[in-house]
């Protein structure tokens, strides 16, 4: 089985994936990060490449994992590339920040106050699901339920722990928290 860590950065995610499968390739566009990764782990196979033009053969990868990438790229082209290189019934596992995360409102607000551009473009649940399904994937699993743990501890102190826990339970819709920090999507390539 061949696994691709898409957007591997300096290799920490690749290192985790390699615990389960040594046949793992890392790809990233950041040369300095890959240089660090190669220095730390000389036996790792890593490729300097853009995720929208992955230099791998069609249907050559069994599983793709990606986290910390989809808020920085054009998701439409990347998902098409993922489809191209995945084998039939190949699995794609994506961890991506939630556009509507309560935690993300803080840096967005600060950027706006100081007139700075917010450099990330987090997707919504609907957008990610539509991109995957519209490009030949079946959604196998979807999780968006990390609770309100990403909200500052000060909220506990202001509203009280019991009210905070009640709010966390009320806010969940169909076992999902729309203010969850991250979304985890597991999809399978289908023809």
N, C-alpha and C. Protein backbone atom coordinates (compact mmCIF):
# COMPACT_ATOMS: atom_id res chain seq x y z
N UNK A 1 0.85 -1.18 0.00
CA UNK A 1 0.00 0.00 0.00
C UNK A 1 0.89 1.24 0.00
N UNK A 2 0.56 2.22 -0.83
CA UNK A 2 1.32 3.45 -0.92
C UNK A 2 0.46 4.61 -0.41
N UNK A 3 1.04 5.38 0.53
CA UNK A 3 0.33 6.51 1.13
C UNK A 3 1.04 7.80 0.75
N UNK A 4 0.26 8.83 0.46
CA UNK A 4 0.79 10.16 0.17
C UNK A 4 0.36 11.11 1.27
N UNK A 5 1.35 11.78 1.87
CA UNK A 5 1.08 12.84 2.84
C UNK A 5 1.15 14.15 2.07
N UNK A 6 0.00 14.68 1.72
CA UNK A 6 -0.10 15.87 0.87
C UNK A 6 -0.03 17.13 1.73
N UNK A 7 0.99 17.93 1.49
CA UNK A 7 1.23 19.11 2.33
C UNK A 7 1.95 18.70 3.59
N UNK A 8 3.01 17.91 3.43
CA UNK A 8 3.68 17.29 4.57
C UNK A 8 4.49 18.26 5.43
N UNK A 9 4.76 19.47 4.91
CA UNK A 9 5.51 20.44 5.70
C UNK A 9 6.88 19.92 6.07
N UNK A 10 7.26 20.09 7.32
CA UNK A 10 8.59 19.66 7.75
C UNK A 10 8.63 18.21 8.19
N UNK A 11 7.58 17.45 7.92
CA UNK A 11 7.63 16.01 8.07
C UNK A 11 7.03 15.40 9.31
N UNK A 12 6.48 16.20 10.22
CA UNK A 12 5.93 15.61 11.44
C UNK A 12 4.72 14.73 11.14
N UNK A 13 3.89 15.14 10.19
CA UNK A 13 2.73 14.32 9.84
C UNK A 13 3.18 13.05 9.11
N UNK A 14 4.19 13.16 8.26
CA UNK A 14 4.72 12.00 7.55
C UNK A 14 5.27 10.98 8.55
N UNK A 15 5.92 11.48 9.56
CA UNK A 15 6.48 10.61 10.60
C UNK A 15 5.37 9.80 11.29
N UNK A 16 4.25 10.45 11.56
CA UNK A 16 3.11 9.77 12.19
C UNK A 16 2.55 8.70 11.25
N UNK A 17 2.35 9.06 9.98
CA UNK A 17 1.79 8.12 9.01
C UNK A 17 2.72 6.92 8.82
N UNK A 18 4.03 7.17 8.82
CA UNK A 18 5.00 6.08 8.62
C UNK A 18 5.00 5.07 9.77
N UNK A 19 4.44 5.42 10.89
CA UNK A 19 4.30 4.45 11.98
C UNK A 19 3.41 3.29 11.51
N UNK A 20 2.42 3.62 10.68
CA UNK A 20 1.46 2.63 10.20
C UNK A 20 1.85 2.01 8.86
N UNK A 21 2.62 2.76 8.06
CA UNK A 21 3.01 2.27 6.75
C UNK A 21 4.30 2.96 6.30
N UNK A 22 5.35 2.18 6.15
CA UNK A 22 6.65 2.72 5.76
C UNK A 22 6.67 3.24 4.32
N UNK A 23 5.73 2.76 3.50
CA UNK A 23 5.68 3.16 2.09
C UNK A 23 4.87 4.47 1.96
N UNK A 24 5.41 5.53 2.55
CA UNK A 24 4.73 6.82 2.58
C UNK A 24 5.60 7.87 1.90
N UNK A 25 4.97 8.67 1.05
CA UNK A 25 5.64 9.76 0.35
C UNK A 25 5.11 11.07 0.91
N UNK A 26 5.98 12.03 1.10
CA UNK A 26 5.56 13.38 1.51
C UNK A 26 5.73 14.35 0.36
N UNK A 27 4.75 15.22 0.18
CA UNK A 27 4.83 16.27 -0.85
C UNK A 27 4.50 17.61 -0.21
N UNK A 28 5.32 18.60 -0.55
CA UNK A 28 5.05 19.97 -0.11
C UNK A 28 5.72 20.93 -1.08
N UNK A 29 5.25 22.17 -1.08
CA UNK A 29 5.79 23.19 -1.96
C UNK A 29 6.86 24.04 -1.26
N UNK A 30 6.98 23.90 0.05
CA UNK A 30 7.91 24.71 0.84
C UNK A 30 9.28 24.03 0.89
N UNK A 31 10.22 24.52 0.10
CA UNK A 31 11.55 23.92 -0.01
C UNK A 31 12.25 23.83 1.35
N UNK A 32 12.23 24.91 2.13
CA UNK A 32 12.94 24.90 3.42
C UNK A 32 12.37 23.87 4.39
N UNK A 33 11.07 23.68 4.37
CA UNK A 33 10.45 22.67 5.23
C UNK A 33 10.90 21.27 4.81
N UNK A 34 10.91 21.03 3.50
CA UNK A 34 11.33 19.72 3.02
C UNK A 34 12.81 19.48 3.28
N UNK A 35 13.59 20.52 3.17
CA UNK A 35 15.03 20.42 3.47
C UNK A 35 15.23 20.00 4.93
N UNK A 36 14.46 20.62 5.82
CA UNK A 36 14.52 20.25 7.24
C UNK A 36 14.07 18.80 7.44
N UNK A 37 12.99 18.43 6.76
CA UNK A 37 12.46 17.07 6.87
C UNK A 37 13.49 16.04 6.41
N UNK A 38 14.13 16.32 5.29
CA UNK A 38 15.12 15.39 4.74
C UNK A 38 16.34 15.28 5.66
N UNK A 39 16.72 16.40 6.26
CA UNK A 39 17.86 16.39 7.19
C UNK A 39 17.53 15.56 8.43
N UNK A 40 16.30 15.72 8.94
CA UNK A 40 15.87 14.97 10.13
C UNK A 40 15.60 13.51 9.84
N UNK A 41 15.12 13.23 8.63
CA UNK A 41 14.71 11.87 8.27
C UNK A 41 15.22 11.55 6.86
N UNK A 42 16.51 11.27 6.69
CA UNK A 42 17.08 11.09 5.35
C UNK A 42 16.48 9.94 4.54
N UNK A 43 15.86 8.97 5.19
CA UNK A 43 15.29 7.83 4.46
C UNK A 43 13.87 8.11 3.95
N UNK A 44 13.28 9.23 4.31
CA UNK A 44 11.92 9.54 3.85
C UNK A 44 11.94 9.94 2.38
N UNK A 45 10.93 9.46 1.65
CA UNK A 45 10.76 9.90 0.27
C UNK A 45 9.89 11.16 0.29
N UNK A 46 10.47 12.27 -0.12
CA UNK A 46 9.74 13.53 -0.16
C UNK A 46 9.93 14.19 -1.52
N UNK A 47 8.91 14.92 -1.94
CA UNK A 47 8.91 15.55 -3.26
C UNK A 47 8.53 17.01 -3.12
N UNK A 48 9.31 17.86 -3.76
CA UNK A 48 8.99 19.29 -3.83
C UNK A 48 8.03 19.47 -5.00
N UNK A 49 6.78 19.82 -4.69
CA UNK A 49 5.78 19.94 -5.75
C UNK A 49 4.58 20.74 -5.26
N UNK A 50 3.84 21.26 -6.21
CA UNK A 50 2.59 21.97 -5.96
C UNK A 50 1.47 20.93 -5.90
N UNK A 51 0.58 21.06 -4.95
CA UNK A 51 -0.50 20.07 -4.79
C UNK A 51 -1.51 20.12 -5.93
N UNK A 52 -1.44 21.14 -6.76
CA UNK A 52 -2.34 21.22 -7.91
C UNK A 52 -1.74 20.55 -9.15
N UNK A 53 -0.47 20.17 -9.07
CA UNK A 53 0.21 19.47 -10.17
C UNK A 53 1.13 18.43 -9.55
N UNK A 54 0.55 17.38 -9.04
CA UNK A 54 1.31 16.36 -8.32
C UNK A 54 2.05 15.48 -9.33
N UNK A 55 3.38 15.38 -9.22
CA UNK A 55 4.16 14.62 -10.20
C UNK A 55 4.16 13.11 -9.94
N UNK A 56 2.98 12.54 -9.87
CA UNK A 56 2.83 11.10 -9.69
C UNK A 56 1.90 10.57 -10.78
N UNK A 57 2.05 9.29 -11.11
CA UNK A 57 1.24 8.68 -12.16
C UNK A 57 -0.23 8.58 -11.74
N UNK A 58 -1.10 8.54 -12.72
CA UNK A 58 -2.52 8.32 -12.48
C UNK A 58 -2.70 7.01 -11.72
N UNK A 59 -3.62 7.02 -10.78
CA UNK A 59 -4.00 5.83 -10.02
C UNK A 59 -2.80 5.09 -9.44
N UNK A 60 -1.89 5.84 -8.81
CA UNK A 60 -0.67 5.24 -8.25
C UNK A 60 -0.63 5.22 -6.72
N UNK A 61 -1.63 5.84 -6.08
CA UNK A 61 -1.63 5.97 -4.62
C UNK A 61 -2.87 5.30 -4.04
N UNK A 62 -2.69 4.58 -2.93
CA UNK A 62 -3.81 3.91 -2.26
C UNK A 62 -4.57 4.84 -1.31
N UNK A 63 -3.81 5.65 -0.56
CA UNK A 63 -4.42 6.52 0.46
C UNK A 63 -3.69 7.86 0.48
N UNK A 64 -4.47 8.91 0.63
CA UNK A 64 -3.91 10.26 0.78
C UNK A 64 -4.37 10.82 2.10
N UNK A 65 -3.43 11.37 2.85
CA UNK A 65 -3.76 12.08 4.08
C UNK A 65 -3.30 13.52 3.92
N UNK A 66 -4.07 14.43 4.49
CA UNK A 66 -3.71 15.83 4.40
C UNK A 66 -4.32 16.59 5.57
N UNK A 67 -3.47 17.31 6.28
CA UNK A 67 -3.97 18.23 7.29
C UNK A 67 -3.10 19.47 7.29
N UNK A 68 -3.76 20.61 7.48
CA UNK A 68 -3.03 21.87 7.47
C UNK A 68 -2.72 22.37 6.08
N UNK A 69 -3.48 21.98 5.09
CA UNK A 69 -3.23 22.38 3.71
C UNK A 69 -4.42 23.08 3.07
N UNK A 70 -5.60 22.55 3.27
CA UNK A 70 -6.77 22.98 2.49
C UNK A 70 -7.25 24.39 2.77
N UNK A 71 -6.74 25.05 3.79
CA UNK A 71 -7.11 26.43 4.04
C UNK A 71 -6.21 27.41 3.29
N UNK A 72 -5.20 26.90 2.57
CA UNK A 72 -4.25 27.76 1.88
C UNK A 72 -4.28 27.62 0.35
N UNK A 73 -5.01 26.67 -0.16
CA UNK A 73 -4.91 26.31 -1.58
C UNK A 73 -6.25 26.44 -2.30
N UNK A 74 -6.20 26.28 -3.61
CA UNK A 74 -7.43 26.20 -4.40
C UNK A 74 -7.91 24.75 -4.32
N UNK A 75 -8.93 24.52 -3.55
CA UNK A 75 -9.41 23.17 -3.26
C UNK A 75 -9.94 22.45 -4.49
N UNK A 76 -10.55 23.18 -5.42
CA UNK A 76 -11.12 22.54 -6.61
C UNK A 76 -10.06 21.77 -7.39
N UNK A 77 -8.93 22.43 -7.69
CA UNK A 77 -7.87 21.78 -8.47
C UNK A 77 -7.19 20.67 -7.69
N UNK A 78 -6.98 20.90 -6.41
CA UNK A 78 -6.30 19.90 -5.59
C UNK A 78 -7.13 18.63 -5.47
N UNK A 79 -8.43 18.76 -5.28
CA UNK A 79 -9.28 17.57 -5.17
C UNK A 79 -9.31 16.82 -6.51
N UNK A 80 -9.25 17.52 -7.63
CA UNK A 80 -9.17 16.85 -8.93
C UNK A 80 -7.86 16.07 -9.06
N UNK A 81 -6.77 16.65 -8.57
CA UNK A 81 -5.47 15.97 -8.59
C UNK A 81 -5.49 14.75 -7.67
N UNK A 82 -6.11 14.89 -6.53
CA UNK A 82 -6.23 13.76 -5.61
C UNK A 82 -6.98 12.62 -6.30
N UNK A 83 -8.07 12.96 -6.97
CA UNK A 83 -8.85 11.95 -7.69
C UNK A 83 -7.99 11.27 -8.76
N UNK A 84 -7.21 12.06 -9.48
CA UNK A 84 -6.38 11.52 -10.57
C UNK A 84 -5.35 10.50 -10.07
N UNK A 85 -4.69 10.78 -8.97
CA UNK A 85 -3.60 9.90 -8.54
C UNK A 85 -4.06 8.75 -7.63
N UNK A 86 -5.27 8.85 -7.08
CA UNK A 86 -5.78 7.76 -6.24
C UNK A 86 -6.22 6.57 -7.09
N UNK A 87 -5.94 5.37 -6.61
CA UNK A 87 -6.45 4.16 -7.23
C UNK A 87 -7.96 4.08 -7.02
N UNK A 88 -8.63 3.26 -7.83
CA UNK A 88 -10.07 3.04 -7.63
C UNK A 88 -10.30 2.56 -6.20
N UNK A 89 -11.27 3.12 -5.56
CA UNK A 89 -11.63 2.86 -4.17
C UNK A 89 -10.52 3.29 -3.20
N UNK A 90 -9.64 4.17 -3.67
CA UNK A 90 -8.62 4.74 -2.79
C UNK A 90 -9.27 5.67 -1.78
N UNK A 91 -8.61 5.85 -0.67
CA UNK A 91 -9.16 6.63 0.44
C UNK A 91 -8.41 7.95 0.57
N UNK A 92 -9.16 8.99 0.85
CA UNK A 92 -8.62 10.32 1.09
C UNK A 92 -9.08 10.77 2.48
N UNK A 93 -8.12 11.15 3.33
CA UNK A 93 -8.42 11.59 4.69
C UNK A 93 -7.95 13.04 4.82
N UNK A 94 -8.88 13.93 5.06
CA UNK A 94 -8.56 15.37 5.11
C UNK A 94 -8.99 15.94 6.45
N UNK A 95 -8.06 16.60 7.11
CA UNK A 95 -8.36 17.36 8.32
C UNK A 95 -8.19 18.82 7.94
N UNK A 96 -9.24 19.59 8.10
CA UNK A 96 -9.23 20.99 7.66
C UNK A 96 -9.94 21.86 8.68
N UNK A 97 -9.46 23.08 8.88
CA UNK A 97 -10.17 23.99 9.80
C UNK A 97 -11.56 24.33 9.28
N UNK A 98 -12.47 24.51 10.20
CA UNK A 98 -13.85 24.86 9.90
C UNK A 98 -13.97 26.38 9.76
N UNK A 99 -14.54 26.82 8.66
CA UNK A 99 -14.74 28.25 8.40
C UNK A 99 -15.50 28.93 9.54
N UNK A 100 -16.43 28.22 10.14
CA UNK A 100 -17.30 28.81 11.16
C UNK A 100 -16.85 28.50 12.59
N UNK A 101 -15.62 28.09 12.75
CA UNK A 101 -15.09 27.78 14.07
C UNK A 101 -15.11 29.00 14.97
N UNK A 102 -15.58 28.81 16.18
CA UNK A 102 -15.58 29.92 17.15
C UNK A 102 -14.16 30.40 17.41
N UNK A 103 -13.23 29.48 17.42
CA UNK A 103 -11.82 29.82 17.67
C UNK A 103 -11.26 30.73 16.58
N UNK A 104 -11.70 30.56 15.34
CA UNK A 104 -11.18 31.33 14.22
C UNK A 104 -11.71 32.77 14.19
N UNK A 105 -12.82 33.02 14.88
CA UNK A 105 -13.35 34.38 14.88
C UNK A 105 -12.39 35.37 15.55
N UNK A 106 -11.60 34.90 16.49
CA UNK A 106 -10.68 35.78 17.22
C UNK A 106 -9.61 36.35 16.28
N UNK A 107 -8.82 35.51 15.57
CA UNK A 107 -7.82 36.09 14.67
C UNK A 107 -8.43 36.85 13.49
N UNK A 108 -9.60 36.42 13.03
CA UNK A 108 -10.26 37.14 11.93
C UNK A 108 -10.64 38.54 12.38
N UNK A 109 -11.18 38.64 13.59
CA UNK A 109 -11.58 39.94 14.13
C UNK A 109 -10.37 40.83 14.35
N UNK A 110 -9.30 40.28 14.91
CA UNK A 110 -8.08 41.06 15.15
C UNK A 110 -7.51 41.56 13.83
N UNK A 111 -7.48 40.71 12.80
CA UNK A 111 -6.99 41.12 11.48
C UNK A 111 -7.81 42.27 10.93
N UNK A 112 -9.12 42.17 11.09
CA UNK A 112 -10.01 43.21 10.58
C UNK A 112 -9.80 44.53 11.32
N UNK A 113 -9.67 44.48 12.63
CA UNK A 113 -9.47 45.70 13.44
C UNK A 113 -8.20 46.42 13.01
N UNK A 114 -7.12 45.65 12.78
CA UNK A 114 -5.84 46.26 12.43
C UNK A 114 -5.65 46.44 10.92
N UNK A 115 -6.70 46.16 10.15
CA UNK A 115 -6.64 46.36 8.70
C UNK A 115 -5.69 45.44 7.97
N UNK A 116 -5.45 44.27 8.54
CA UNK A 116 -4.55 43.30 7.91
C UNK A 116 -5.37 42.22 7.21
N UNK A 117 -4.80 41.70 6.15
CA UNK A 117 -5.46 40.63 5.41
C UNK A 117 -5.35 39.33 6.21
N UNK A 118 -6.45 38.65 6.36
CA UNK A 118 -6.45 37.33 7.00
C UNK A 118 -5.99 36.35 5.94
N UNK A 119 -4.89 35.66 6.18
CA UNK A 119 -4.18 34.88 5.16
C UNK A 119 -4.73 33.48 4.91
N UNK A 120 -5.74 33.07 5.63
CA UNK A 120 -6.27 31.72 5.44
C UNK A 120 -7.67 31.80 4.86
N UNK A 121 -8.04 30.76 4.16
CA UNK A 121 -9.36 30.67 3.57
C UNK A 121 -9.95 29.32 3.93
N UNK A 122 -10.49 29.24 5.14
CA UNK A 122 -11.03 27.98 5.62
C UNK A 122 -12.34 27.67 4.90
N UNK A 123 -12.56 26.41 4.55
CA UNK A 123 -13.80 26.03 3.89
C UNK A 123 -14.93 25.77 4.89
N UNK A 124 -16.12 25.75 4.37
CA UNK A 124 -17.28 25.35 5.17
C UNK A 124 -17.50 23.85 4.95
N UNK A 125 -18.32 23.27 5.79
CA UNK A 125 -18.69 21.85 5.66
C UNK A 125 -19.31 21.60 4.29
N UNK A 126 -20.23 22.44 3.92
CA UNK A 126 -20.94 22.27 2.65
C UNK A 126 -19.96 22.31 1.47
N UNK A 127 -19.04 23.27 1.51
CA UNK A 127 -18.08 23.40 0.42
C UNK A 127 -17.22 22.15 0.27
N UNK A 128 -16.68 21.66 1.38
CA UNK A 128 -15.81 20.48 1.31
C UNK A 128 -16.57 19.26 0.80
N UNK A 129 -17.77 19.05 1.30
CA UNK A 129 -18.55 17.89 0.86
C UNK A 129 -18.91 18.00 -0.62
N UNK A 130 -19.33 19.18 -1.06
CA UNK A 130 -19.68 19.36 -2.47
C UNK A 130 -18.47 19.16 -3.38
N UNK A 131 -17.31 19.66 -2.98
CA UNK A 131 -16.10 19.46 -3.79
C UNK A 131 -15.76 17.98 -3.91
N UNK A 132 -15.85 17.25 -2.83
CA UNK A 132 -15.51 15.83 -2.87
C UNK A 132 -16.52 15.05 -3.70
N UNK A 133 -17.80 15.21 -3.40
CA UNK A 133 -18.84 14.46 -4.12
C UNK A 133 -18.87 14.86 -5.59
N UNK A 134 -18.69 16.14 -5.87
CA UNK A 134 -18.70 16.63 -7.25
C UNK A 134 -17.50 16.18 -8.07
N UNK A 135 -16.50 15.63 -7.42
CA UNK A 135 -15.30 15.19 -8.13
C UNK A 135 -15.07 13.68 -8.03
N UNK A 136 -16.14 12.94 -7.83
CA UNK A 136 -16.04 11.49 -7.91
C UNK A 136 -15.73 10.75 -6.62
N UNK A 137 -16.04 11.36 -5.49
CA UNK A 137 -15.80 10.71 -4.20
C UNK A 137 -17.12 10.43 -3.50
N UNK A 138 -17.15 9.35 -2.73
CA UNK A 138 -18.24 9.09 -1.79
C UNK A 138 -17.72 9.46 -0.41
N UNK A 139 -18.51 10.19 0.35
CA UNK A 139 -18.12 10.54 1.71
C UNK A 139 -18.41 9.34 2.60
N UNK A 140 -17.36 8.83 3.26
CA UNK A 140 -17.50 7.66 4.13
C UNK A 140 -17.75 8.10 5.57
N UNK A 141 -16.97 9.05 6.03
CA UNK A 141 -17.09 9.56 7.41
C UNK A 141 -16.92 11.06 7.40
N UNK A 142 -17.59 11.70 8.35
CA UNK A 142 -17.44 13.13 8.55
C UNK A 142 -17.57 13.42 10.04
N UNK A 143 -16.58 14.10 10.59
CA UNK A 143 -16.61 14.47 12.01
C UNK A 143 -16.38 15.97 12.15
N UNK A 144 -17.22 16.57 12.92
CA UNK A 144 -17.06 17.97 13.27
C UNK A 144 -17.63 18.12 14.68
N UNK A 145 -16.88 17.62 15.63
CA UNK A 145 -17.43 17.56 16.97
C UNK A 145 -16.34 17.60 18.03
N UNK A 146 -15.47 18.62 17.95
CA UNK A 146 -14.42 18.72 18.96
C UNK A 146 -14.87 19.56 20.16
N UNK A 147 -16.16 19.75 20.27
CA UNK A 147 -16.68 20.50 21.41
C UNK A 147 -16.28 21.95 21.35
N UNK A 148 -16.37 22.62 22.46
CA UNK A 148 -15.99 24.03 22.53
C UNK A 148 -14.62 24.18 23.18
N UNK A 149 -13.82 23.13 23.11
CA UNK A 149 -12.53 23.15 23.79
C UNK A 149 -11.61 24.23 23.26
N UNK A 150 -11.85 24.71 22.07
CA UNK A 150 -10.95 25.70 21.48
C UNK A 150 -11.31 27.12 21.90
N UNK A 151 -12.41 27.30 22.57
CA UNK A 151 -12.74 28.63 23.07
C UNK A 151 -11.85 28.94 24.27
N UNK A 152 -11.52 30.18 24.45
CA UNK A 152 -10.62 30.53 25.56
C UNK A 152 -11.16 30.08 26.92
N UNK A 153 -10.24 29.71 27.80
CA UNK A 153 -10.61 29.29 29.15
C UNK A 153 -11.35 30.39 29.91
N UNK A 154 -11.14 31.62 29.49
CA UNK A 154 -11.79 32.75 30.17
C UNK A 154 -13.31 32.64 30.11
N UNK A 155 -13.83 32.03 29.05
CA UNK A 155 -15.29 31.89 28.93
C UNK A 155 -15.82 31.05 30.07
N UNK A 156 -15.08 29.98 30.44
CA UNK A 156 -15.47 29.17 31.60
C UNK A 156 -15.64 30.07 32.83
N UNK A 157 -14.68 30.94 33.03
CA UNK A 157 -14.68 31.80 34.21
C UNK A 157 -15.81 32.81 34.17
N UNK A 158 -16.12 33.31 32.98
CA UNK A 158 -17.16 34.34 32.85
C UNK A 158 -18.55 33.74 33.03
N UNK A 159 -18.85 32.67 32.31
CA UNK A 159 -20.20 32.12 32.34
C UNK A 159 -20.36 30.97 33.32
N UNK A 160 -19.27 30.45 33.80
CA UNK A 160 -19.34 29.32 34.73
C UNK A 160 -19.28 28.01 33.98
N UNK A 161 -18.66 27.03 34.59
CA UNK A 161 -18.41 25.75 33.93
C UNK A 161 -19.71 25.03 33.56
N UNK A 162 -20.72 25.07 34.44
CA UNK A 162 -21.97 24.35 34.15
C UNK A 162 -22.68 24.95 32.94
N UNK A 163 -22.77 26.28 32.89
CA UNK A 163 -23.43 26.93 31.75
C UNK A 163 -22.65 26.67 30.46
N UNK A 164 -21.35 26.67 30.58
CA UNK A 164 -20.48 26.38 29.44
C UNK A 164 -20.75 24.97 28.91
N UNK A 165 -20.83 23.98 29.79
CA UNK A 165 -21.09 22.60 29.37
C UNK A 165 -22.49 22.44 28.79
N UNK A 166 -23.46 23.13 29.36
CA UNK A 166 -24.82 23.10 28.81
C UNK A 166 -24.84 23.70 27.42
N UNK A 167 -24.16 24.83 27.25
CA UNK A 167 -24.09 25.49 25.95
C UNK A 167 -23.45 24.56 24.92
N UNK A 168 -22.41 23.85 25.33
CA UNK A 168 -21.74 22.93 24.43
C UNK A 168 -22.69 21.84 23.96
N UNK A 169 -23.54 21.32 24.84
CA UNK A 169 -24.48 20.27 24.46
C UNK A 169 -25.61 20.82 23.58
N UNK A 170 -26.10 22.00 23.88
CA UNK A 170 -27.20 22.59 23.11
C UNK A 170 -26.75 22.93 21.70
N UNK A 171 -25.51 23.39 21.58
CA UNK A 171 -25.02 23.87 20.29
C UNK A 171 -24.80 22.75 19.28
N UNK A 172 -24.67 21.53 19.75
CA UNK A 172 -24.45 20.40 18.85
C UNK A 172 -25.74 20.11 18.07
N UNK A 173 -25.59 19.99 16.78
CA UNK A 173 -26.71 19.68 15.91
C UNK A 173 -26.42 18.34 15.25
N UNK A 174 -27.31 17.36 15.48
CA UNK A 174 -27.12 16.02 14.93
C UNK A 174 -25.72 15.49 15.25
N UNK A 175 -25.32 15.63 16.46
CA UNK A 175 -24.00 15.19 16.95
C UNK A 175 -22.84 15.96 16.31
N UNK A 176 -23.13 17.11 15.73
CA UNK A 176 -22.09 17.95 15.18
C UNK A 176 -22.13 19.31 15.85
N UNK A 177 -20.97 19.87 16.02
CA UNK A 177 -20.88 21.20 16.58
C UNK A 177 -20.51 22.16 15.45
N UNK A 178 -21.42 23.03 15.01
CA UNK A 178 -21.13 23.92 13.89
C UNK A 178 -20.00 24.90 14.18
N UNK A 179 -19.64 25.07 15.45
CA UNK A 179 -18.53 25.95 15.82
C UNK A 179 -17.24 25.17 16.07
N UNK A 180 -17.24 23.90 15.72
CA UNK A 180 -16.08 23.03 15.90
C UNK A 180 -14.86 23.63 15.20
N UNK A 181 -13.69 23.43 15.77
CA UNK A 181 -12.47 23.99 15.18
C UNK A 181 -12.10 23.31 13.87
N UNK A 182 -12.22 21.99 13.82
CA UNK A 182 -11.78 21.24 12.65
C UNK A 182 -12.86 20.34 12.10
N UNK A 183 -12.68 19.98 10.84
CA UNK A 183 -13.53 18.99 10.19
C UNK A 183 -12.62 17.85 9.73
N UNK A 184 -13.06 16.64 9.94
CA UNK A 184 -12.35 15.47 9.44
C UNK A 184 -13.24 14.79 8.42
N UNK A 185 -12.73 14.66 7.21
CA UNK A 185 -13.48 14.03 6.13
C UNK A 185 -12.72 12.82 5.64
N UNK A 186 -13.43 11.71 5.48
CA UNK A 186 -12.87 10.49 4.91
C UNK A 186 -13.72 10.16 3.70
N UNK A 187 -13.07 10.11 2.53
CA UNK A 187 -13.81 9.89 1.28
C UNK A 187 -13.14 8.77 0.48
N UNK A 188 -13.94 8.11 -0.36
CA UNK A 188 -13.44 7.04 -1.22
C UNK A 188 -13.66 7.43 -2.68
N UNK A 189 -12.63 7.18 -3.48
CA UNK A 189 -12.73 7.44 -4.92
C UNK A 189 -13.63 6.38 -5.55
N UNK A 190 -14.63 6.84 -6.28
CA UNK A 190 -15.53 5.94 -7.01
C UNK A 190 -15.57 6.41 -8.47
N UNK A 191 -15.87 5.52 -9.35
CA UNK A 191 -15.92 5.91 -10.78
C UNK A 191 -17.30 6.37 -11.15
